[in-house]
Protein backbone atom coordinates (compact mmCIF):
# COMPACT_ATOMS: atom_id res chain seq x y z
CA UNK A 1 0.00 0.00 0.00
CA UNK A 2 1.28 3.44 -0.88
CA UNK A 3 1.14 6.18 1.76
CA UNK A 4 -1.11 8.29 -0.49
CA UNK A 5 -3.59 5.37 -0.88
CA UNK A 6 -3.59 4.97 2.88
CA UNK A 7 -4.30 8.67 3.47
CA UNK A 8 -7.00 8.83 0.80
CA UNK A 9 -8.71 5.81 2.30
CA UNK A 10 -8.63 7.29 5.80
CA UNK A 11 -10.24 10.45 4.45
CA UNK A 12 -13.17 8.40 3.13
CA UNK A 13 -13.50 6.48 6.40
CA UNK A 14 -13.71 9.79 8.28
CA UNK A 15 -17.26 9.97 6.94
CA UNK A 16 -18.16 7.21 9.38
CA UNK A 17 -17.59 9.74 12.17
CA UNK A 18 -19.88 12.25 10.44
CA UNK A 19 -22.62 9.98 9.07
CA UNK A 20 -25.30 9.39 11.64
CA UNK A 21 -27.39 6.31 12.20
CA UNK A 22 -31.08 5.99 12.86
CA UNK A 23 -30.34 5.41 16.55
CA UNK A 24 -29.71 7.93 19.30
CA UNK A 25 -27.43 8.06 22.32
CA UNK A 26 -28.71 8.33 25.89
CA UNK A 27 -28.02 12.08 25.71
CA UNK A 28 -30.50 12.52 22.86
CA UNK A 29 -27.85 12.91 20.14
CA UNK A 30 -27.80 10.87 16.95
CA UNK A 31 -25.26 8.07 17.04
CA UNK A 32 -22.56 8.05 14.35
CA UNK A 33 -21.73 5.01 12.25
CA UNK A 34 -18.24 5.06 13.78
CA UNK A 35 -19.64 4.97 17.32
CA UNK A 36 -21.74 1.92 16.50
CA UNK A 37 -18.73 0.22 14.91
CA UNK A 38 -16.58 1.03 17.93
CA UNK A 39 -18.96 -0.62 20.37
CA UNK A 40 -19.50 -3.69 18.17
CA UNK A 41 -15.70 -4.12 18.17
CA UNK A 42 -15.57 -3.68 21.95
CA UNK A 43 -18.23 -6.36 22.33
CA UNK A 44 -16.13 -8.80 20.28
CA UNK A 45 -12.99 -8.02 22.25
CA UNK A 46 -14.72 -8.40 25.61
CA UNK A 47 -16.24 -11.75 24.61
CA UNK A 48 -13.04 -13.36 23.34
CA UNK A 49 -12.66 -15.63 26.38
CA UNK A 50 -16.35 -16.60 26.31
CA UNK A 51 -15.94 -17.99 22.78
CA UNK A 52 -12.51 -19.64 22.53
CA UNK A 53 -13.70 -21.71 19.56
CA UNK A 54 -14.01 -18.58 17.42
CA UNK A 55 -11.22 -16.80 15.58
CA UNK A 56 -11.89 -13.53 17.36
CA UNK A 57 -9.28 -11.65 15.32
CA UNK A 58 -11.35 -12.52 12.25
CA UNK A 59 -14.53 -11.44 14.06
CA UNK A 60 -12.89 -8.14 15.03
CA UNK A 61 -11.89 -7.54 11.42
CA UNK A 62 -15.50 -8.16 10.36
CA UNK A 63 -16.77 -5.81 13.03
CA UNK A 64 -14.29 -3.12 11.99
CA UNK A 65 -15.20 -3.16 8.31
CA UNK A 66 -18.88 -4.11 8.42
CA UNK A 67 -20.19 -0.57 7.85
CA UNK A 68 -17.47 0.80 5.58
CA UNK A 69 -20.04 1.09 2.81
CA UNK A 70 -21.93 3.57 4.97
CA UNK A 71 -18.94 5.92 4.73
CA UNK A 72 -20.16 6.36 1.13
CA UNK A 73 -23.90 5.69 1.25
CA UNK A 74 -24.79 6.83 4.74
CA UNK A 75 -26.94 4.70 7.05
CA UNK A 76 -30.24 3.23 5.98
CA UNK A 77 -32.08 1.52 8.85
CA UNK A 78 -32.46 -2.22 8.33
CA UNK A 79 -36.25 -1.95 8.36
CA UNK A 80 -36.13 0.49 5.41
CA UNK A 81 -33.27 -1.08 3.44
CA UNK A 82 -34.24 -2.47 0.05
CA UNK A 83 -32.40 -4.90 -2.22
CA UNK A 84 -31.35 -1.91 -4.29
CA UNK A 85 -29.91 -0.23 -1.17
CA UNK A 86 -28.04 -3.45 -0.34
CA UNK A 87 -26.64 -3.54 -3.87
CA UNK A 88 -25.62 0.13 -3.70
CA UNK A 89 -23.86 -0.44 -0.39
CA UNK A 90 -22.05 -3.51 -1.75
CA UNK A 91 -20.95 -1.48 -4.80
CA UNK A 92 -19.66 1.21 -2.43
CA UNK A 93 -17.69 -1.41 -0.50
CA UNK A 94 -16.12 -2.75 -3.68
CA UNK A 95 -15.26 0.77 -4.85
CA UNK A 96 -13.55 1.31 -1.50
CA UNK A 97 -11.60 -1.94 -1.55
CA UNK A 98 -10.51 -1.17 -5.13
CA UNK A 99 -8.70 1.87 -3.72
CA UNK A 100 -6.42 -0.57 -1.87
CA UNK A 101 -5.24 -2.96 -4.60
CA UNK A 102 -2.75 -4.71 -2.30
CA UNK A 103 -5.55 -5.60 0.13
CA UNK A 104 -8.55 -5.79 -2.18
CA UNK A 105 -8.65 -9.58 -2.54
CA UNK A 106 -8.38 -10.12 1.22
CA UNK A 107 -11.04 -7.52 2.01
CA UNK A 108 -13.46 -8.69 -0.69
CA UNK A 109 -13.10 -12.28 0.54
CA UNK A 110 -13.87 -11.17 4.09
CA UNK A 111 -16.93 -9.20 2.92
CA UNK A 112 -18.17 -12.21 0.96
CA UNK A 113 -17.84 -14.37 4.08
CA UNK A 114 -19.77 -11.77 6.05
CA UNK A 115 -22.54 -11.59 3.46
CA UNK A 116 -22.90 -15.38 3.18
CA UNK A 117 -23.01 -15.80 6.99
CA UNK A 118 -22.05 -19.46 6.83
CA UNK A 119 -19.03 -19.44 9.13
CA UNK A 120 -19.37 -19.23 12.92
CA UNK A 121 -17.35 -16.00 12.87
CA UNK A 122 -19.64 -14.34 10.31
CA UNK A 123 -22.72 -15.43 12.25
CA UNK A 124 -21.20 -14.13 15.48
CA UNK A 125 -20.26 -10.74 14.02
CA UNK A 126 -23.81 -10.31 12.69
CA UNK A 127 -25.31 -11.21 16.05
CA UNK A 128 -23.09 -8.58 17.72
CA UNK A 129 -24.05 -5.99 15.11
CA UNK A 130 -27.75 -6.49 15.71
CA UNK A 131 -27.43 -6.86 19.46
CA UNK A 132 -25.55 -3.57 19.73
CA UNK A 133 -28.36 -1.79 17.86
CA UNK A 134 -30.94 -3.15 20.32
CA UNK A 135 -28.84 -2.17 23.34
CA UNK A 136 -28.37 1.32 21.90
CA UNK A 137 -32.10 1.72 21.33
CA UNK A 138 -32.71 0.79 24.95
CA UNK A 139 -30.20 3.41 26.06
CA UNK A 140 -31.82 6.14 23.95
CA UNK A 141 -34.77 8.18 25.19
CA UNK A 142 -38.08 6.57 24.26
CA UNK A 143 -39.05 9.85 22.61
CA UNK A 144 -36.53 9.05 19.84
CA UNK A 145 -38.20 5.73 18.98
CA UNK A 146 -40.60 5.37 16.10
CA UNK A 147 -43.70 3.24 16.70
CA UNK A 148 -42.25 0.24 14.80
CA UNK A 149 -39.30 0.04 17.19
CA UNK A 150 -41.57 -0.71 20.14
CA UNK A 151 -42.11 -4.19 18.66
CA UNK A 152 -39.00 -4.51 16.49
CA UNK A 153 -36.72 -4.02 19.50
CA UNK A 154 -38.21 -7.20 20.98
CA UNK A 155 -37.44 -9.38 17.94
CA UNK A 156 -34.48 -7.81 16.12
CA UNK A 157 -31.45 -10.09 16.25
CA UNK A 158 -33.10 -12.79 18.38
CA UNK A 159 -32.49 -15.47 15.72
CA UNK A 160 -28.93 -14.24 15.17
CA UNK A 161 -28.10 -14.49 18.87
CA UNK A 162 -29.83 -17.87 19.43
CA UNK A 163 -26.88 -20.09 18.33
CA UNK A 164 -24.69 -18.43 20.97
CA UNK A 165 -26.10 -19.07 24.50
CA UNK A 166 -24.21 -16.15 26.05
CA UNK A 167 -25.54 -13.74 23.40
CA UNK A 168 -29.02 -15.26 23.67
CA UNK A 169 -28.96 -14.46 27.39
CA UNK A 170 -27.81 -10.89 26.72
CA UNK A 171 -30.55 -10.60 24.09
CA UNK A 172 -33.07 -11.79 26.68
CA UNK A 173 -31.81 -9.14 29.12
CA UNK A 174 -32.21 -6.57 26.35
CA UNK A 175 -35.84 -7.59 25.91
CA UNK A 176 -36.37 -7.09 29.63
CA UNK A 177 -34.86 -3.60 29.28
CA UNK A 178 -37.16 -2.86 26.35
CA UNK A 179 -40.25 -4.02 28.23
CA UNK A 180 -39.25 -2.00 31.29
CA UNK A 181 -38.72 1.08 29.16
CA UNK A 182 -42.09 0.65 27.44
CA UNK A 183 -43.83 0.10 30.79
CA UNK A 184 -42.45 3.42 32.03
CA UNK A 185 -44.15 5.14 29.11
CA UNK A 186 -47.57 3.64 29.94
C-alpha atoms as a PDB file:
ATOM      1  CA  UNK A   1       0.000   0.000   0.000  1.00  0.00           C
ATOM      2  CA  UNK A   2       1.276   3.438  -0.875  1.00  0.00           C
ATOM      3  CA  UNK A   3       1.143   6.184   1.762  1.00  0.00           C
ATOM      4  CA  UNK A   4      -1.113   8.294  -0.492  1.00  0.00           C
ATOM      5  CA  UNK A   5      -3.588   5.374  -0.882  1.00  0.00           C
ATOM      6  CA  UNK A   6      -3.592   4.971   2.881  1.00  0.00           C
ATOM      7  CA  UNK A   7      -4.301   8.666   3.471  1.00  0.00           C
ATOM      8  CA  UNK A   8      -7.001   8.827   0.796  1.00  0.00           C
ATOM      9  CA  UNK A   9      -8.715   5.806   2.303  1.00  0.00           C
ATOM     10  CA  UNK A  10      -8.631   7.290   5.800  1.00  0.00           C
ATOM     11  CA  UNK A  11     -10.240  10.454   4.454  1.00  0.00           C
ATOM     12  CA  UNK A  12     -13.168   8.401   3.133  1.00  0.00           C
ATOM     13  CA  UNK A  13     -13.497   6.478   6.404  1.00  0.00           C
ATOM     14  CA  UNK A  14     -13.712   9.788   8.277  1.00  0.00           C
ATOM     15  CA  UNK A  15     -17.264   9.974   6.936  1.00  0.00           C
ATOM     16  CA  UNK A  16     -18.158   7.209   9.384  1.00  0.00           C
ATOM     17  CA  UNK A  17     -17.590   9.742  12.167  1.00  0.00           C
ATOM     18  CA  UNK A  18     -19.880  12.249  10.436  1.00  0.00           C
ATOM     19  CA  UNK A  19     -22.622   9.977   9.068  1.00  0.00           C
ATOM     20  CA  UNK A  20     -25.300   9.387  11.638  1.00  0.00           C
ATOM     21  CA  UNK A  21     -27.389   6.308  12.199  1.00  0.00           C
ATOM     22  CA  UNK A  22     -31.075   5.989  12.862  1.00  0.00           C
ATOM     23  CA  UNK A  23     -30.336   5.413  16.554  1.00  0.00           C
ATOM     24  CA  UNK A  24     -29.707   7.929  19.297  1.00  0.00           C
ATOM     25  CA  UNK A  25     -27.430   8.057  22.325  1.00  0.00           C
ATOM     26  CA  UNK A  26     -28.714   8.328  25.885  1.00  0.00           C
ATOM     27  CA  UNK A  27     -28.023  12.081  25.715  1.00  0.00           C
ATOM     28  CA  UNK A  28     -30.501  12.515  22.859  1.00  0.00           C
ATOM     29  CA  UNK A  29     -27.852  12.915  20.138  1.00  0.00           C
ATOM     30  CA  UNK A  30     -27.801  10.874  16.952  1.00  0.00           C
ATOM     31  CA  UNK A  31     -25.257   8.074  17.040  1.00  0.00           C
ATOM     32  CA  UNK A  32     -22.562   8.052  14.351  1.00  0.00           C
ATOM     33  CA  UNK A  33     -21.733   5.009  12.246  1.00  0.00           C
ATOM     34  CA  UNK A  34     -18.238   5.061  13.782  1.00  0.00           C
ATOM     35  CA  UNK A  35     -19.637   4.973  17.319  1.00  0.00           C
ATOM     36  CA  UNK A  36     -21.740   1.922  16.502  1.00  0.00           C
ATOM     37  CA  UNK A  37     -18.732   0.217  14.910  1.00  0.00           C
ATOM     38  CA  UNK A  38     -16.578   1.034  17.931  1.00  0.00           C
ATOM     39  CA  UNK A  39     -18.956  -0.619  20.366  1.00  0.00           C
ATOM     40  CA  UNK A  40     -19.495  -3.689  18.170  1.00  0.00           C
ATOM     41  CA  UNK A  41     -15.696  -4.115  18.173  1.00  0.00           C
ATOM     42  CA  UNK A  42     -15.568  -3.676  21.951  1.00  0.00           C
ATOM     43  CA  UNK A  43     -18.225  -6.363  22.334  1.00  0.00           C
ATOM     44  CA  UNK A  44     -16.126  -8.798  20.285  1.00  0.00           C
ATOM     45  CA  UNK A  45     -12.989  -8.016  22.255  1.00  0.00           C
ATOM     46  CA  UNK A  46     -14.725  -8.404  25.612  1.00  0.00           C
ATOM     47  CA  UNK A  47     -16.238 -11.746  24.614  1.00  0.00           C
ATOM     48  CA  UNK A  48     -13.042 -13.356  23.342  1.00  0.00           C
ATOM     49  CA  UNK A  49     -12.657 -15.632  26.385  1.00  0.00           C
ATOM     50  CA  UNK A  50     -16.351 -16.604  26.314  1.00  0.00           C
ATOM     51  CA  UNK A  51     -15.940 -17.986  22.780  1.00  0.00           C
ATOM     52  CA  UNK A  52     -12.510 -19.645  22.530  1.00  0.00           C
ATOM     53  CA  UNK A  53     -13.698 -21.714  19.559  1.00  0.00           C
ATOM     54  CA  UNK A  54     -14.010 -18.579  17.416  1.00  0.00           C
ATOM     55  CA  UNK A  55     -11.224 -16.803  15.581  1.00  0.00           C
ATOM     56  CA  UNK A  56     -11.888 -13.528  17.357  1.00  0.00           C
ATOM     57  CA  UNK A  57      -9.283 -11.651  15.324  1.00  0.00           C
ATOM     58  CA  UNK A  58     -11.349 -12.524  12.252  1.00  0.00           C
ATOM     59  CA  UNK A  59     -14.530 -11.445  14.059  1.00  0.00           C
ATOM     60  CA  UNK A  60     -12.890  -8.145  15.029  1.00  0.00           C
ATOM     61  CA  UNK A  61     -11.894  -7.541  11.416  1.00  0.00           C
ATOM     62  CA  UNK A  62     -15.496  -8.156  10.358  1.00  0.00           C
ATOM     63  CA  UNK A  63     -16.767  -5.807  13.027  1.00  0.00           C
ATOM     64  CA  UNK A  64     -14.286  -3.125  11.994  1.00  0.00           C
ATOM     65  CA  UNK A  65     -15.198  -3.163   8.306  1.00  0.00           C
ATOM     66  CA  UNK A  66     -18.884  -4.112   8.422  1.00  0.00           C
ATOM     67  CA  UNK A  67     -20.185  -0.573   7.852  1.00  0.00           C
ATOM     68  CA  UNK A  68     -17.468   0.799   5.584  1.00  0.00           C
ATOM     69  CA  UNK A  69     -20.039   1.085   2.812  1.00  0.00           C
ATOM     70  CA  UNK A  70     -21.934   3.570   4.969  1.00  0.00           C
ATOM     71  CA  UNK A  71     -18.943   5.918   4.725  1.00  0.00           C
ATOM     72  CA  UNK A  72     -20.157   6.362   1.133  1.00  0.00           C
ATOM     73  CA  UNK A  73     -23.901   5.691   1.253  1.00  0.00           C
ATOM     74  CA  UNK A  74     -24.795   6.828   4.745  1.00  0.00           C
ATOM     75  CA  UNK A  75     -26.935   4.701   7.050  1.00  0.00           C
ATOM     76  CA  UNK A  76     -30.243   3.230   5.983  1.00  0.00           C
ATOM     77  CA  UNK A  77     -32.079   1.521   8.855  1.00  0.00           C
ATOM     78  CA  UNK A  78     -32.463  -2.219   8.333  1.00  0.00           C
ATOM     79  CA  UNK A  79     -36.250  -1.953   8.359  1.00  0.00           C
ATOM     80  CA  UNK A  80     -36.129   0.494   5.414  1.00  0.00           C
ATOM     81  CA  UNK A  81     -33.266  -1.078   3.438  1.00  0.00           C
ATOM     82  CA  UNK A  82     -34.239  -2.466   0.047  1.00  0.00           C
ATOM     83  CA  UNK A  83     -32.396  -4.904  -2.218  1.00  0.00           C
ATOM     84  CA  UNK A  84     -31.352  -1.906  -4.286  1.00  0.00           C
ATOM     85  CA  UNK A  85     -29.912  -0.232  -1.173  1.00  0.00           C
ATOM     86  CA  UNK A  86     -28.038  -3.447  -0.343  1.00  0.00           C
ATOM     87  CA  UNK A  87     -26.638  -3.535  -3.867  1.00  0.00           C
ATOM     88  CA  UNK A  88     -25.615   0.134  -3.700  1.00  0.00           C
ATOM     89  CA  UNK A  89     -23.861  -0.444  -0.389  1.00  0.00           C
ATOM     90  CA  UNK A  90     -22.051  -3.505  -1.753  1.00  0.00           C
ATOM     91  CA  UNK A  91     -20.950  -1.479  -4.803  1.00  0.00           C
ATOM     92  CA  UNK A  92     -19.655   1.205  -2.430  1.00  0.00           C
ATOM     93  CA  UNK A  93     -17.690  -1.405  -0.498  1.00  0.00           C
ATOM     94  CA  UNK A  94     -16.124  -2.746  -3.677  1.00  0.00           C
ATOM     95  CA  UNK A  95     -15.261   0.765  -4.850  1.00  0.00           C
ATOM     96  CA  UNK A  96     -13.547   1.309  -1.503  1.00  0.00           C
ATOM     97  CA  UNK A  97     -11.600  -1.941  -1.552  1.00  0.00           C
ATOM     98  CA  UNK A  98     -10.511  -1.170  -5.134  1.00  0.00           C
ATOM     99  CA  UNK A  99      -8.698   1.868  -3.719  1.00  0.00           C
ATOM    100  CA  UNK A 100      -6.422  -0.575  -1.872  1.00  0.00           C
ATOM    101  CA  UNK A 101      -5.238  -2.961  -4.602  1.00  0.00           C
ATOM    102  CA  UNK A 102      -2.751  -4.709  -2.302  1.00  0.00           C
ATOM    103  CA  UNK A 103      -5.548  -5.604   0.128  1.00  0.00           C
ATOM    104  CA  UNK A 104      -8.549  -5.795  -2.182  1.00  0.00           C
ATOM    105  CA  UNK A 105      -8.649  -9.581  -2.535  1.00  0.00           C
ATOM    106  CA  UNK A 106      -8.377 -10.124   1.218  1.00  0.00           C
ATOM    107  CA  UNK A 107     -11.036  -7.518   2.012  1.00  0.00           C
ATOM    108  CA  UNK A 108     -13.457  -8.692  -0.689  1.00  0.00           C
ATOM    109  CA  UNK A 109     -13.101 -12.284   0.539  1.00  0.00           C
ATOM    110  CA  UNK A 110     -13.871 -11.169   4.089  1.00  0.00           C
ATOM    111  CA  UNK A 111     -16.932  -9.199   2.919  1.00  0.00           C
ATOM    112  CA  UNK A 112     -18.167 -12.213   0.961  1.00  0.00           C
ATOM    113  CA  UNK A 113     -17.838 -14.374   4.083  1.00  0.00           C
ATOM    114  CA  UNK A 114     -19.772 -11.769   6.055  1.00  0.00           C
ATOM    115  CA  UNK A 115     -22.545 -11.594   3.455  1.00  0.00           C
ATOM    116  CA  UNK A 116     -22.896 -15.379   3.183  1.00  0.00           C
ATOM    117  CA  UNK A 117     -23.014 -15.803   6.994  1.00  0.00           C
ATOM    118  CA  UNK A 118     -22.054 -19.464   6.827  1.00  0.00           C
ATOM    119  CA  UNK A 119     -19.027 -19.439   9.134  1.00  0.00           C
ATOM    120  CA  UNK A 120     -19.368 -19.231  12.920  1.00  0.00           C
ATOM    121  CA  UNK A 121     -17.350 -16.004  12.865  1.00  0.00           C
ATOM    122  CA  UNK A 122     -19.643 -14.342  10.314  1.00  0.00           C
ATOM    123  CA  UNK A 123     -22.719 -15.428  12.254  1.00  0.00           C
ATOM    124  CA  UNK A 124     -21.200 -14.125  15.480  1.00  0.00           C
ATOM    125  CA  UNK A 125     -20.256 -10.737  14.016  1.00  0.00           C
ATOM    126  CA  UNK A 126     -23.815 -10.306  12.685  1.00  0.00           C
ATOM    127  CA  UNK A 127     -25.308 -11.210  16.050  1.00  0.00           C
ATOM    128  CA  UNK A 128     -23.095  -8.583  17.717  1.00  0.00           C
ATOM    129  CA  UNK A 129     -24.047  -5.991  15.106  1.00  0.00           C
ATOM    130  CA  UNK A 130     -27.753  -6.493  15.708  1.00  0.00           C
ATOM    131  CA  UNK A 131     -27.428  -6.863  19.459  1.00  0.00           C
ATOM    132  CA  UNK A 132     -25.552  -3.571  19.730  1.00  0.00           C
ATOM    133  CA  UNK A 133     -28.357  -1.792  17.863  1.00  0.00           C
ATOM    134  CA  UNK A 134     -30.936  -3.148  20.321  1.00  0.00           C
ATOM    135  CA  UNK A 135     -28.842  -2.175  23.336  1.00  0.00           C
ATOM    136  CA  UNK A 136     -28.371   1.323  21.899  1.00  0.00           C
ATOM    137  CA  UNK A 137     -32.098   1.723  21.335  1.00  0.00           C
ATOM    138  CA  UNK A 138     -32.707   0.791  24.950  1.00  0.00           C
ATOM    139  CA  UNK A 139     -30.204   3.413  26.063  1.00  0.00           C
ATOM    140  CA  UNK A 140     -31.818   6.141  23.955  1.00  0.00           C
ATOM    141  CA  UNK A 141     -34.772   8.179  25.189  1.00  0.00           C
ATOM    142  CA  UNK A 142     -38.077   6.566  24.262  1.00  0.00           C
ATOM    143  CA  UNK A 143     -39.053   9.846  22.606  1.00  0.00           C
ATOM    144  CA  UNK A 144     -36.527   9.046  19.844  1.00  0.00           C
ATOM    145  CA  UNK A 145     -38.197   5.734  18.979  1.00  0.00           C
ATOM    146  CA  UNK A 146     -40.597   5.369  16.096  1.00  0.00           C
ATOM    147  CA  UNK A 147     -43.702   3.239  16.703  1.00  0.00           C
ATOM    148  CA  UNK A 148     -42.252   0.242  14.801  1.00  0.00           C
ATOM    149  CA  UNK A 149     -39.302   0.036  17.188  1.00  0.00           C
ATOM    150  CA  UNK A 150     -41.566  -0.714  20.137  1.00  0.00           C
ATOM    151  CA  UNK A 151     -42.112  -4.189  18.663  1.00  0.00           C
ATOM    152  CA  UNK A 152     -38.997  -4.508  16.492  1.00  0.00           C
ATOM    153  CA  UNK A 153     -36.722  -4.017  19.498  1.00  0.00           C
ATOM    154  CA  UNK A 154     -38.205  -7.204  20.983  1.00  0.00           C
ATOM    155  CA  UNK A 155     -37.443  -9.380  17.935  1.00  0.00           C
ATOM    156  CA  UNK A 156     -34.480  -7.808  16.123  1.00  0.00           C
ATOM    157  CA  UNK A 157     -31.445 -10.089  16.254  1.00  0.00           C
ATOM    158  CA  UNK A 158     -33.103 -12.787  18.384  1.00  0.00           C
ATOM    159  CA  UNK A 159     -32.488 -15.470  15.725  1.00  0.00           C
ATOM    160  CA  UNK A 160     -28.932 -14.243  15.166  1.00  0.00           C
ATOM    161  CA  UNK A 161     -28.100 -14.489  18.872  1.00  0.00           C
ATOM    162  CA  UNK A 162     -29.834 -17.866  19.433  1.00  0.00           C
ATOM    163  CA  UNK A 163     -26.877 -20.088  18.327  1.00  0.00           C
ATOM    164  CA  UNK A 164     -24.687 -18.433  20.975  1.00  0.00           C
ATOM    165  CA  UNK A 165     -26.095 -19.073  24.496  1.00  0.00           C
ATOM    166  CA  UNK A 166     -24.215 -16.150  26.049  1.00  0.00           C
ATOM    167  CA  UNK A 167     -25.537 -13.742  23.401  1.00  0.00           C
ATOM    168  CA  UNK A 168     -29.016 -15.265  23.670  1.00  0.00           C
ATOM    169  CA  UNK A 169     -28.965 -14.461  27.394  1.00  0.00           C
ATOM    170  CA  UNK A 170     -27.807 -10.894  26.717  1.00  0.00           C
ATOM    171  CA  UNK A 171     -30.547 -10.598  24.093  1.00  0.00           C
ATOM    172  CA  UNK A 172     -33.070 -11.788  26.683  1.00  0.00           C
ATOM    173  CA  UNK A 173     -31.808  -9.136  29.123  1.00  0.00           C
ATOM    174  CA  UNK A 174     -32.206  -6.571  26.348  1.00  0.00           C
ATOM    175  CA  UNK A 175     -35.841  -7.586  25.911  1.00  0.00           C
ATOM    176  CA  UNK A 176     -36.366  -7.089  29.631  1.00  0.00           C
ATOM    177  CA  UNK A 177     -34.858  -3.601  29.284  1.00  0.00           C
ATOM    178  CA  UNK A 178     -37.159  -2.855  26.352  1.00  0.00           C
ATOM    179  CA  UNK A 179     -40.251  -4.021  28.226  1.00  0.00           C
ATOM    180  CA  UNK A 180     -39.248  -2.003  31.292  1.00  0.00           C
ATOM    181  CA  UNK A 181     -38.722   1.082  29.157  1.00  0.00           C
ATOM    182  CA  UNK A 182     -42.090   0.646  27.435  1.00  0.00           C
ATOM    183  CA  UNK A 183     -43.833   0.098  30.787  1.00  0.00           C
ATOM    184  CA  UNK A 184     -42.451   3.415  32.026  1.00  0.00           C
ATOM    185  CA  UNK A 185     -44.155   5.138  29.111  1.00  0.00           C
ATOM    186  CA  UNK A 186     -47.568   3.639  29.944  1.00  0.00           C
END
